[in-house]
Amino acid sequence: MKGSSRRLVLVLMNLTNSNKFMVLFYKHVANINRAFKNIKSNTMADFIQANHRELIITTNKLVFTLELNIIKKYLKNVDVIDSNDIIASRLPQSKSYLKILKIPYLIKNTNVSISSDITKRVLQSTYIFNNVVLTSKLRIIKAFHKLDIVVI
């Protein structure tokens, strides 16, 4: 599979719970679909698979907060597994990098050079980056020694 998809729901749990859950996975798919139908959602669980530390629930379309909450609620009520051992239910997350080119080294009309704190504030104030979480410190590199341009 290429990359992460919002059609997947990852449920982190221990191996014992995962094995108990997978014994009747077809029943759980039907029950999750019934719960989706009760809230009049067009989302359907297609299948469930397990690996060594998580369940992966695949759906027919994008999963949003409401559907994710339905799955979480269903998992808490499954009697064959210990709901205290379910670590988390979440959507996949991806990591990317962003390279910003041709940024002036000095802030306009000042002698102050651009810093990672200033850049971070600008990114956080821009609506495009509302759901972006920076996992490392921004690096500011001068593109050429003789030019006033940086790469972030």
C-alpha atoms as a PDB file:
ATOM      1  CA  MET A   1       0.000   0.000   0.000  1.00  0.00           C
ATOM      2  CA  LYS A   2       1.339   3.430  -0.869  1.00  0.00           C
ATOM      3  CA  GLY A   3       1.396   5.847   2.060  1.00  0.00           C
ATOM      4  CA  SER A   4      -1.244   6.372   4.699  1.00  0.00           C
ATOM      5  CA  SER A   5      -4.897   6.726   3.994  1.00  0.00           C
ATOM      6  CA  ARG A   6      -7.732   8.376   5.893  1.00  0.00           C
ATOM      7  CA  ARG A   7      -9.773   5.317   4.924  1.00  0.00           C
ATOM      8  CA  LEU A   8      -7.943   3.417   7.650  1.00  0.00           C
ATOM      9  CA  VAL A   9      -8.520   3.488  11.389  1.00  0.00           C
ATOM     10  CA  LEU A  10      -5.630   2.256  13.506  1.00  0.00           C
ATOM     11  CA  VAL A  11      -6.479   0.779  16.892  1.00  0.00           C
ATOM     12  CA  LEU A  12      -3.420   0.242  19.065  1.00  0.00           C
ATOM     13  CA  MET A  13      -3.851  -2.660  21.480  1.00  0.00           C
ATOM     14  CA  ASN A  14      -1.885  -5.548  22.884  1.00  0.00           C
ATOM     15  CA  LEU A  15      -1.523  -8.840  21.004  1.00  0.00           C
ATOM     16  CA  THR A  16      -3.874 -10.785  23.306  1.00  0.00           C
ATOM     17  CA  ASN A  17      -6.755  -8.366  22.703  1.00  0.00           C
ATOM     18  CA  SER A  18      -6.030  -8.287  19.005  1.00  0.00           C
ATOM     19  CA  ASN A  19      -6.161 -12.091  18.732  1.00  0.00           C
ATOM     20  CA  LYS A  20      -9.419 -12.294  20.721  1.00  0.00           C
ATOM     21  CA  PHE A  21     -10.986  -9.589  18.554  1.00  0.00           C
ATOM     22  CA  MET A  22      -9.961 -11.218  15.279  1.00  0.00           C
ATOM     23  CA  VAL A  23     -11.661 -14.551  16.126  1.00  0.00           C
ATOM     24  CA  LEU A  24     -15.018 -12.973  15.248  1.00  0.00           C
ATOM     25  CA  PHE A  25     -13.827 -10.120  12.998  1.00  0.00           C
ATOM     26  CA  TYR A  26     -16.730 -10.602  10.537  1.00  0.00           C
ATOM     27  CA  LYS A  27     -19.199 -10.046  13.401  1.00  0.00           C
ATOM     28  CA  HIS A  28     -17.377  -6.865  14.407  1.00  0.00           C
ATOM     29  CA  VAL A  29     -17.435  -5.540  10.825  1.00  0.00           C
ATOM     30  CA  ALA A  30     -21.221  -6.098  10.725  1.00  0.00           C
ATOM     31  CA  ASN A  31     -21.718  -4.420  14.111  1.00  0.00           C
ATOM     32  CA  ILE A  32     -19.591  -1.400  13.190  1.00  0.00           C
ATOM     33  CA  ASN A  33     -21.564  -1.047   9.944  1.00  0.00           C
ATOM     34  CA  ARG A  34     -24.829  -1.244  11.902  1.00  0.00           C
ATOM     35  CA  ALA A  35     -23.588   1.544  14.180  1.00  0.00           C
ATOM     36  CA  PHE A  36     -22.684   3.645  11.124  1.00  0.00           C
ATOM     37  CA  LYS A  37     -26.133   3.005   9.665  1.00  0.00           C
ATOM     38  CA  ASN A  38     -27.794   4.087  12.938  1.00  0.00           C
ATOM     39  CA  ILE A  39     -26.219   7.529  12.624  1.00  0.00           C
ATOM     40  CA  LYS A  40     -27.134   7.642   8.911  1.00  0.00           C
ATOM     41  CA  SER A  41     -23.511   7.623   7.778  1.00  0.00           C
ATOM     42  CA  ASN A  42     -22.582   6.384   4.306  1.00  0.00           C
ATOM     43  CA  THR A  43     -19.298   5.041   5.666  1.00  0.00           C
ATOM     44  CA  MET A  44     -18.941   1.264   5.805  1.00  0.00           C
ATOM     45  CA  ALA A  45     -16.226  -0.898   7.330  1.00  0.00           C
ATOM     46  CA  ASP A  46     -14.885  -3.147   4.557  1.00  0.00           C
ATOM     47  CA  PHE A  47     -12.650  -5.414   6.597  1.00  0.00           C
ATOM     48  CA  ILE A  48     -10.450  -5.660   9.659  1.00  0.00           C
ATOM     49  CA  GLN A  49      -6.919  -6.983   9.781  1.00  0.00           C
ATOM     50  CA  ALA A  50      -4.399  -7.297  12.590  1.00  0.00           C
ATOM     51  CA  ASN A  51      -0.673  -7.028  12.847  1.00  0.00           C
ATOM     52  CA  HIS A  52       1.505  -7.494  15.899  1.00  0.00           C
ATOM     53  CA  ARG A  53       0.405  -4.340  17.744  1.00  0.00           C
ATOM     54  CA  GLU A  54      -2.709  -2.905  16.123  1.00  0.00           C
ATOM     55  CA  LEU A  55      -5.997  -3.541  14.389  1.00  0.00           C
ATOM     56  CA  ILE A  56      -6.488  -1.872  11.041  1.00  0.00           C
ATOM     57  CA  ILE A  57     -10.095  -1.156  10.113  1.00  0.00           C
ATOM     58  CA  THR A  58     -10.487  -0.318   6.426  1.00  0.00           C
ATOM     59  CA  THR A  59     -13.525   1.692   5.333  1.00  0.00           C
ATOM     60  CA  ASN A  60     -15.084   2.524   1.990  1.00  0.00           C
ATOM     61  CA  LYS A  61     -14.544   6.286   2.314  1.00  0.00           C
ATOM     62  CA  LEU A  62     -12.822   8.920   4.391  1.00  0.00           C
ATOM     63  CA  VAL A  63     -13.346   8.580   8.121  1.00  0.00           C
ATOM     64  CA  PHE A  64     -14.109  11.722  10.077  1.00  0.00           C
ATOM     65  CA  THR A  65     -14.415  12.425  13.796  1.00  0.00           C
ATOM     66  CA  LEU A  66     -17.994  11.152  14.078  1.00  0.00           C
ATOM     67  CA  GLU A  67     -17.182   7.777  12.529  1.00  0.00           C
ATOM     68  CA  LEU A  68     -13.974   7.521  14.557  1.00  0.00           C
ATOM     69  CA  ASN A  69     -15.983   8.108  17.739  1.00  0.00           C
ATOM     70  CA  ILE A  70     -18.463   5.383  16.718  1.00  0.00           C
ATOM     71  CA  ILE A  71     -15.590   2.912  16.314  1.00  0.00           C
ATOM     72  CA  LYS A  72     -14.077   3.935  19.670  1.00  0.00           C
ATOM     73  CA  LYS A  73     -17.447   3.518  21.389  1.00  0.00           C
ATOM     74  CA  TYR A  74     -17.977   0.103  19.806  1.00  0.00           C
ATOM     75  CA  LEU A  75     -14.523  -1.111  20.880  1.00  0.00           C
ATOM     76  CA  LYS A  76     -15.145  -0.072  24.482  1.00  0.00           C
ATOM     77  CA  ASN A  77     -18.289  -2.229  24.537  1.00  0.00           C
ATOM     78  CA  VAL A  78     -16.802  -5.387  22.995  1.00  0.00           C
ATOM     79  CA  ASP A  79     -16.884  -7.928  25.794  1.00  0.00           C
ATOM     80  CA  VAL A  80     -14.154 -10.303  24.520  1.00  0.00           C
ATOM     81  CA  ILE A  81     -11.424  -7.698  24.910  1.00  0.00           C
ATOM     82  CA  ASP A  82     -10.279  -5.594  27.846  1.00  0.00           C
ATOM     83  CA  SER A  83     -11.097  -1.998  26.902  1.00  0.00           C
ATOM     84  CA  ASN A  84      -8.467  -0.722  29.363  1.00  0.00           C
ATOM     85  CA  ASP A  85      -5.772  -2.290  27.178  1.00  0.00           C
ATOM     86  CA  ILE A  86      -6.828  -0.359  24.072  1.00  0.00           C
ATOM     87  CA  ILE A  87      -4.165   2.291  23.797  1.00  0.00           C
ATOM     88  CA  ALA A  88      -5.665   4.499  21.093  1.00  0.00           C
ATOM     89  CA  SER A  89      -7.918   4.675  18.059  1.00  0.00           C
ATOM     90  CA  ARG A  90      -6.657   7.113  15.495  1.00  0.00           C
ATOM     91  CA  LEU A  91      -6.282   7.930  11.867  1.00  0.00           C
ATOM     92  CA  PRO A  92      -2.931   7.364  10.162  1.00  0.00           C
ATOM     93  CA  GLN A  93      -0.452  10.202  10.264  1.00  0.00           C
ATOM     94  CA  SER A  94       2.252  10.969   7.785  1.00  0.00           C
ATOM     95  CA  LYS A  95       5.478  12.885   8.044  1.00  0.00           C
ATOM     96  CA  SER A  96       6.661  15.176   5.292  1.00  0.00           C
ATOM     97  CA  TYR A  97       9.073  17.977   4.932  1.00  0.00           C
ATOM     98  CA  LEU A  98       8.543  21.442   3.584  1.00  0.00           C
ATOM     99  CA  LYS A  99      11.207  23.441   1.794  1.00  0.00           C
ATOM    100  CA  ILE A 100      10.586  27.163   1.450  1.00  0.00           C
ATOM    101  CA  LEU A 101      12.813  28.896  -1.089  1.00  0.00           C
ATOM    102  CA  LYS A 102      13.881  32.485  -1.740  1.00  0.00           C
ATOM    103  CA  ILE A 103      13.072  34.020   1.643  1.00  0.00           C
ATOM    104  CA  PRO A 104      14.909  37.288   2.422  1.00  0.00           C
ATOM    105  CA  TYR A 105      17.576  36.898   5.094  1.00  0.00           C
ATOM    106  CA  LEU A 106      16.735  40.234   6.730  1.00  0.00           C
ATOM    107  CA  ILE A 107      13.221  41.230   7.751  1.00  0.00           C
ATOM    108  CA  LYS A 108      11.981  44.079   5.580  1.00  0.00           C
ATOM    109  CA  ASN A 109      13.074  47.572   6.726  1.00  0.00           C
ATOM    110  CA  THR A 110      15.094  46.199   9.681  1.00  0.00           C
ATOM    111  CA  ASN A 111      18.512  44.762  10.397  1.00  0.00           C
ATOM    112  CA  VAL A 112      16.984  41.712  12.108  1.00  0.00           C
ATOM    113  CA  SER A 113      17.702  38.400  10.450  1.00  0.00           C
ATOM    114  CA  ILE A 114      14.958  35.838  10.049  1.00  0.00           C
ATOM    115  CA  SER A 115      14.850  33.190  12.787  1.00  0.00           C
ATOM    116  CA  SER A 116      13.099  29.876  13.264  1.00  0.00           C
ATOM    117  CA  ASP A 117      10.813  31.423  15.929  1.00  0.00           C
ATOM    118  CA  ILE A 118       9.655  34.136  13.536  1.00  0.00           C
ATOM    119  CA  THR A 119       9.127  31.608  10.768  1.00  0.00           C
ATOM    120  CA  LYS A 120       7.178  29.305  13.096  1.00  0.00           C
ATOM    121  CA  ARG A 121       4.850  32.172  14.124  1.00  0.00           C
ATOM    122  CA  VAL A 122       4.220  33.067  10.474  1.00  0.00           C
ATOM    123  CA  LEU A 123       3.425  29.433   9.616  1.00  0.00           C
ATOM    124  CA  GLN A 124       1.058  29.085  12.581  1.00  0.00           C
ATOM    125  CA  SER A 125      -0.805  32.241  11.579  1.00  0.00           C
ATOM    126  CA  THR A 126      -1.381  30.980   8.020  1.00  0.00           C
ATOM    127  CA  TYR A 127      -4.602  29.006   7.533  1.00  0.00           C
ATOM    128  CA  ILE A 128      -2.928  26.505   5.188  1.00  0.00           C
ATOM    129  CA  PHE A 129      -0.877  25.166   8.111  1.00  0.00           C
ATOM    130  CA  ASN A 130      -3.732  24.899  10.661  1.00  0.00           C
ATOM    131  CA  ASN A 131      -3.398  21.127  11.166  1.00  0.00           C
ATOM    132  CA  VAL A 132       0.352  20.888  10.654  1.00  0.00           C
ATOM    133  CA  VAL A 133       2.501  19.878  13.606  1.00  0.00           C
ATOM    134  CA  LEU A 134       6.200  20.648  13.399  1.00  0.00           C
ATOM    135  CA  THR A 135       8.174  17.679  14.689  1.00  0.00           C
ATOM    136  CA  SER A 136      11.578  19.285  14.569  1.00  0.00           C
ATOM    137  CA  LYS A 137      13.134  22.712  14.765  1.00  0.00           C
ATOM    138  CA  LEU A 138      13.098  24.738  11.572  1.00  0.00           C
ATOM    139  CA  ARG A 139      16.467  25.075   9.901  1.00  0.00           C
ATOM    140  CA  ILE A 140      17.371  28.286   8.150  1.00  0.00           C
ATOM    141  CA  ILE A 141      20.206  27.993   5.639  1.00  0.00           C
ATOM    142  CA  LYS A 142      21.676  30.774   3.562  1.00  0.00           C
ATOM    143  CA  ALA A 143      21.267  29.767  -0.079  1.00  0.00           C
ATOM    144  CA  PHE A 144      24.412  31.522  -1.278  1.00  0.00           C
ATOM    145  CA  HIS A 145      27.081  33.215   0.762  1.00  0.00           C
ATOM    146  CA  LYS A 146      26.873  36.521  -1.149  1.00  0.00           C
ATOM    147  CA  LEU A 147      23.057  36.722  -1.440  1.00  0.00           C
ATOM    148  CA  ASP A 148      20.443  37.784   1.140  1.00  0.00           C
ATOM    149  CA  ILE A 149      18.286  34.727   0.469  1.00  0.00           C
ATOM    150  CA  VAL A 150      17.662  31.747   2.740  1.00  0.00           C
ATOM    151  CA  VAL A 151      16.103  28.346   2.423  1.00  0.00           C
ATOM    152  CA  ILE A 152      13.886  27.155   5.285  1.00  0.00           C
END
